Amino acid sequence: MRLTLMVIYTPRLEECRRFYQDLGLGFTPERHGDGPEHFAAVLPDGTVFELYPATAERHTGAMRLGFALGGRSAGPALAPGRHLLRDPDGRTVELHVD
């Protein structure tokens, strides 16, 4: 088994897009039918990471995410090692930098 999709619902869509983009994710704006505009990035292993606008019925609470990345993919560049950051919604994002 492997993870294929992760969707985060956020009231700070643009801020979260910038945060995760600065870590090196390349987002594409998408809209499916009458659904909301959102952003999708495909990780090197094929996992799809999406950011959707939150609604009263759909929101993502506290969670912790972890990514492994090359230090030069992040902006600004990060030193090798473990880094704990917080995204605009306050989620902990753990980075393991090569």
N, C-alpha and C. Protein backbone atom coordinates (compact mmCIF):
# COMPACT_ATOMS: atom_id res chain seq x y z
N MET A 1 0.84 -1.17 0.00
CA MET A 1 0.00 0.00 0.00
C MET A 1 0.89 1.23 0.00
N ARG A 2 0.43 2.26 -0.70
CA ARG A 2 1.13 3.55 -0.66
C ARG A 2 0.11 4.66 -0.76
N LEU A 3 0.48 5.80 -0.24
CA LEU A 3 -0.38 6.97 -0.30
C LEU A 3 -0.44 7.47 -1.74
N THR A 4 -1.65 7.77 -2.24
CA THR A 4 -1.79 8.29 -3.60
C THR A 4 -2.38 9.68 -3.67
N LEU A 5 -3.08 10.09 -2.59
CA LEU A 5 -3.75 11.39 -2.60
C LEU A 5 -3.81 11.95 -1.20
N MET A 6 -3.51 13.24 -1.07
CA MET A 6 -3.72 13.97 0.17
C MET A 6 -4.37 15.29 -0.18
N VAL A 7 -5.50 15.58 0.45
CA VAL A 7 -6.24 16.82 0.21
C VAL A 7 -6.29 17.59 1.52
N ILE A 8 -5.90 18.84 1.47
CA ILE A 8 -6.01 19.74 2.61
C ILE A 8 -7.03 20.82 2.26
N TYR A 9 -8.01 21.00 3.15
CA TYR A 9 -9.00 22.06 3.00
C TYR A 9 -8.57 23.20 3.90
N THR A 10 -8.43 24.38 3.33
CA THR A 10 -7.88 25.51 4.07
C THR A 10 -8.66 26.80 3.82
N PRO A 11 -8.84 27.61 4.86
CA PRO A 11 -9.43 28.93 4.65
C PRO A 11 -8.40 29.93 4.11
N ARG A 12 -7.15 29.53 4.06
CA ARG A 12 -6.05 30.38 3.58
C ARG A 12 -5.41 29.76 2.34
N LEU A 13 -6.21 29.58 1.32
CA LEU A 13 -5.78 28.85 0.13
C LEU A 13 -4.52 29.44 -0.50
N GLU A 14 -4.52 30.71 -0.77
CA GLU A 14 -3.37 31.32 -1.43
C GLU A 14 -2.12 31.29 -0.55
N GLU A 15 -2.28 31.55 0.75
CA GLU A 15 -1.14 31.52 1.66
C GLU A 15 -0.55 30.11 1.75
N CYS A 16 -1.42 29.10 1.81
CA CYS A 16 -0.93 27.72 1.86
C CYS A 16 -0.26 27.33 0.54
N ARG A 17 -0.84 27.76 -0.57
CA ARG A 17 -0.20 27.48 -1.87
C ARG A 17 1.21 28.03 -1.91
N ARG A 18 1.38 29.27 -1.48
CA ARG A 18 2.72 29.87 -1.47
C ARG A 18 3.66 29.13 -0.53
N PHE A 19 3.17 28.79 0.68
CA PHE A 19 4.00 28.08 1.66
C PHE A 19 4.53 26.77 1.07
N TYR A 20 3.63 25.94 0.55
CA TYR A 20 4.05 24.64 0.03
C TYR A 20 4.82 24.78 -1.28
N GLN A 21 4.50 25.78 -2.06
CA GLN A 21 5.27 26.05 -3.28
C GLN A 21 6.70 26.43 -2.93
N ASP A 22 6.87 27.21 -1.87
CA ASP A 22 8.22 27.59 -1.44
C ASP A 22 9.03 26.39 -0.97
N LEU A 23 8.36 25.29 -0.60
CA LEU A 23 9.07 24.06 -0.24
C LEU A 23 9.46 23.25 -1.47
N GLY A 24 9.00 23.68 -2.63
CA GLY A 24 9.40 23.02 -3.86
C GLY A 24 8.28 22.32 -4.62
N LEU A 25 7.03 22.39 -4.12
CA LEU A 25 5.92 21.76 -4.85
C LEU A 25 5.47 22.66 -5.99
N GLY A 26 5.25 22.08 -7.14
CA GLY A 26 4.77 22.82 -8.30
C GLY A 26 3.28 22.62 -8.46
N PHE A 27 2.50 23.65 -8.21
CA PHE A 27 1.05 23.54 -8.24
C PHE A 27 0.48 23.97 -9.59
N THR A 28 -0.62 23.29 -9.94
CA THR A 28 -1.40 23.63 -11.12
C THR A 28 -2.81 23.96 -10.66
N PRO A 29 -3.36 25.10 -11.08
CA PRO A 29 -4.76 25.37 -10.72
C PRO A 29 -5.67 24.39 -11.46
N GLU A 30 -6.70 23.91 -10.75
CA GLU A 30 -7.65 22.96 -11.34
C GLU A 30 -9.07 23.31 -10.93
N ARG A 31 -10.00 22.82 -11.71
CA ARG A 31 -11.43 22.90 -11.36
C ARG A 31 -12.09 21.72 -12.07
N HIS A 32 -12.85 20.93 -11.33
CA HIS A 32 -13.54 19.78 -11.89
C HIS A 32 -15.04 20.08 -11.94
N GLY A 33 -15.57 20.20 -13.14
CA GLY A 33 -16.99 20.49 -13.29
C GLY A 33 -17.38 21.77 -12.58
N ASP A 34 -18.39 21.68 -11.71
CA ASP A 34 -18.87 22.85 -10.96
C ASP A 34 -18.16 23.02 -9.63
N GLY A 35 -17.14 22.20 -9.38
CA GLY A 35 -16.42 22.27 -8.11
C GLY A 35 -15.58 23.52 -7.99
N PRO A 36 -15.00 23.73 -6.81
CA PRO A 36 -14.21 24.94 -6.57
C PRO A 36 -12.85 24.87 -7.26
N GLU A 37 -12.33 26.04 -7.57
CA GLU A 37 -10.95 26.09 -8.05
C GLU A 37 -10.05 25.69 -6.90
N HIS A 38 -9.04 24.90 -7.19
CA HIS A 38 -8.09 24.43 -6.19
C HIS A 38 -6.73 24.26 -6.85
N PHE A 39 -5.75 23.81 -6.08
CA PHE A 39 -4.40 23.63 -6.60
C PHE A 39 -3.97 22.19 -6.38
N ALA A 40 -3.27 21.62 -7.37
CA ALA A 40 -2.78 20.25 -7.28
C ALA A 40 -1.30 20.20 -7.64
N ALA A 41 -0.57 19.38 -6.90
CA ALA A 41 0.85 19.12 -7.19
C ALA A 41 1.03 17.60 -7.19
N VAL A 42 1.87 17.12 -8.10
CA VAL A 42 2.19 15.71 -8.15
C VAL A 42 3.62 15.53 -7.66
N LEU A 43 3.76 14.74 -6.60
CA LEU A 43 5.08 14.46 -6.04
C LEU A 43 5.82 13.46 -6.92
N PRO A 44 7.14 13.36 -6.77
CA PRO A 44 7.92 12.47 -7.64
C PRO A 44 7.44 11.01 -7.64
N ASP A 45 6.86 10.54 -6.54
CA ASP A 45 6.38 9.15 -6.50
C ASP A 45 4.97 8.99 -7.07
N GLY A 46 4.38 10.09 -7.58
CA GLY A 46 3.05 10.04 -8.16
C GLY A 46 1.93 10.45 -7.21
N THR A 47 2.24 10.65 -5.93
CA THR A 47 1.23 11.09 -4.98
C THR A 47 0.72 12.47 -5.37
N VAL A 48 -0.59 12.66 -5.33
CA VAL A 48 -1.19 13.95 -5.64
C VAL A 48 -1.48 14.67 -4.32
N PHE A 49 -1.01 15.90 -4.21
CA PHE A 49 -1.19 16.75 -3.03
C PHE A 49 -2.04 17.93 -3.47
N GLU A 50 -3.24 18.07 -2.88
CA GLU A 50 -4.16 19.12 -3.31
C GLU A 50 -4.53 20.05 -2.17
N LEU A 51 -4.73 21.30 -2.53
CA LEU A 51 -5.20 22.33 -1.61
C LEU A 51 -6.54 22.83 -2.12
N TYR A 52 -7.57 22.70 -1.26
CA TYR A 52 -8.93 23.13 -1.60
C TYR A 52 -9.36 24.23 -0.64
N PRO A 53 -10.23 25.12 -1.09
CA PRO A 53 -10.79 26.11 -0.14
C PRO A 53 -11.69 25.39 0.87
N ALA A 54 -11.56 25.76 2.13
CA ALA A 54 -12.39 25.18 3.19
C ALA A 54 -13.82 25.69 3.07
N THR A 55 -14.75 24.86 3.51
CA THR A 55 -16.15 25.26 3.63
C THR A 55 -16.61 24.85 5.02
N ALA A 56 -17.84 25.17 5.36
CA ALA A 56 -18.38 24.78 6.67
C ALA A 56 -18.40 23.26 6.81
N GLU A 57 -18.62 22.55 5.71
CA GLU A 57 -18.69 21.09 5.74
C GLU A 57 -17.32 20.43 5.54
N ARG A 58 -16.42 21.12 4.89
CA ARG A 58 -15.12 20.53 4.57
C ARG A 58 -14.00 21.42 5.07
N HIS A 59 -13.29 20.91 6.05
CA HIS A 59 -12.12 21.63 6.57
C HIS A 59 -11.16 20.59 7.13
N THR A 60 -9.89 20.91 7.12
CA THR A 60 -8.86 20.02 7.64
C THR A 60 -8.41 20.56 8.98
N GLY A 61 -8.48 19.75 9.99
CA GLY A 61 -8.05 20.15 11.32
C GLY A 61 -6.57 19.93 11.52
N ALA A 62 -6.21 19.73 12.78
CA ALA A 62 -4.81 19.55 13.13
C ALA A 62 -4.28 18.26 12.50
N MET A 63 -3.13 18.34 11.95
CA MET A 63 -2.42 17.18 11.42
C MET A 63 -0.95 17.53 11.29
N ARG A 64 -0.14 16.54 11.12
CA ARG A 64 1.29 16.75 10.95
C ARG A 64 1.69 16.12 9.63
N LEU A 65 2.44 16.86 8.84
CA LEU A 65 2.90 16.39 7.54
C LEU A 65 4.41 16.26 7.57
N GLY A 66 4.93 15.34 6.81
CA GLY A 66 6.38 15.18 6.70
C GLY A 66 6.78 15.05 5.25
N PHE A 67 7.85 15.75 4.88
CA PHE A 67 8.38 15.69 3.53
C PHE A 67 9.89 15.52 3.58
N ALA A 68 10.42 14.76 2.64
CA ALA A 68 11.86 14.69 2.43
C ALA A 68 12.15 15.48 1.16
N LEU A 69 13.15 16.33 1.21
CA LEU A 69 13.44 17.15 0.04
C LEU A 69 14.90 17.55 0.00
N GLY A 70 15.34 17.95 -1.19
CA GLY A 70 16.66 18.53 -1.34
C GLY A 70 16.62 19.96 -0.86
N GLY A 71 17.64 20.37 -0.14
CA GLY A 71 17.65 21.70 0.45
C GLY A 71 17.52 22.83 -0.54
N ARG A 72 17.97 22.60 -1.77
CA ARG A 72 17.90 23.68 -2.77
C ARG A 72 16.50 23.82 -3.34
N SER A 73 15.61 22.80 -3.14
CA SER A 73 14.26 22.94 -3.69
C SER A 73 13.42 23.90 -2.89
N ALA A 74 13.78 24.12 -1.65
CA ALA A 74 13.01 25.03 -0.80
C ALA A 74 13.48 26.45 -1.04
N GLY A 75 12.57 27.39 -0.85
CA GLY A 75 12.94 28.78 -0.95
C GLY A 75 12.58 29.50 0.34
N PRO A 76 13.47 30.01 1.11
CA PRO A 76 14.92 29.98 0.86
C PRO A 76 15.50 28.59 1.12
N ALA A 77 16.70 28.37 0.59
CA ALA A 77 17.37 27.08 0.73
C ALA A 77 17.52 26.73 2.21
N LEU A 78 17.37 25.45 2.53
CA LEU A 78 17.46 24.98 3.91
C LEU A 78 18.72 24.13 4.09
N ALA A 79 19.32 24.23 5.26
CA ALA A 79 20.49 23.43 5.59
C ALA A 79 20.06 21.97 5.75
N PRO A 80 20.96 21.02 5.51
CA PRO A 80 20.63 19.62 5.72
C PRO A 80 20.19 19.37 7.17
N GLY A 81 19.29 18.41 7.35
CA GLY A 81 18.82 18.06 8.68
C GLY A 81 17.32 18.11 8.78
N ARG A 82 16.85 18.12 10.01
CA ARG A 82 15.41 18.11 10.30
C ARG A 82 14.96 19.52 10.65
N HIS A 83 13.86 19.94 10.06
CA HIS A 83 13.30 21.27 10.31
C HIS A 83 11.81 21.11 10.61
N LEU A 84 11.33 21.82 11.62
CA LEU A 84 9.89 21.85 11.92
C LEU A 84 9.37 23.24 11.59
N LEU A 85 8.40 23.30 10.70
CA LEU A 85 7.78 24.56 10.29
C LEU A 85 6.29 24.48 10.58
N ARG A 86 5.62 25.61 10.47
CA ARG A 86 4.16 25.64 10.58
C ARG A 86 3.63 26.29 9.31
N ASP A 87 2.60 25.66 8.74
CA ASP A 87 1.99 26.25 7.55
C ASP A 87 1.03 27.36 7.99
N PRO A 88 0.45 28.11 7.06
CA PRO A 88 -0.40 29.24 7.44
C PRO A 88 -1.60 28.88 8.31
N ASP A 89 -2.03 27.61 8.30
CA ASP A 89 -3.14 27.18 9.15
C ASP A 89 -2.66 26.63 10.49
N GLY A 90 -1.35 26.60 10.72
CA GLY A 90 -0.81 26.14 12.00
C GLY A 90 -0.45 24.66 12.04
N ARG A 91 -0.58 23.94 10.91
CA ARG A 91 -0.18 22.54 10.87
C ARG A 91 1.34 22.43 10.95
N THR A 92 1.83 21.44 11.70
CA THR A 92 3.26 21.19 11.75
C THR A 92 3.69 20.50 10.47
N VAL A 93 4.75 21.01 9.87
CA VAL A 93 5.33 20.42 8.67
C VAL A 93 6.78 20.09 8.99
N GLU A 94 7.06 18.80 9.00
CA GLU A 94 8.41 18.32 9.32
C GLU A 94 9.15 18.07 8.01
N LEU A 95 10.31 18.69 7.88
CA LEU A 95 11.11 18.53 6.67
C LEU A 95 12.39 17.79 7.01
N HIS A 96 12.72 16.81 6.19
CA HIS A 96 14.01 16.11 6.27
C HIS A 96 14.77 16.52 5.01
N VAL A 97 15.78 17.36 5.19
CA VAL A 97 16.50 17.94 4.07
C VAL A 97 17.79 17.18 3.83
N ASP A 98 17.99 16.76 2.56
CA ASP A 98 19.23 16.06 2.16
C ASP A 98 20.39 17.03 2.15
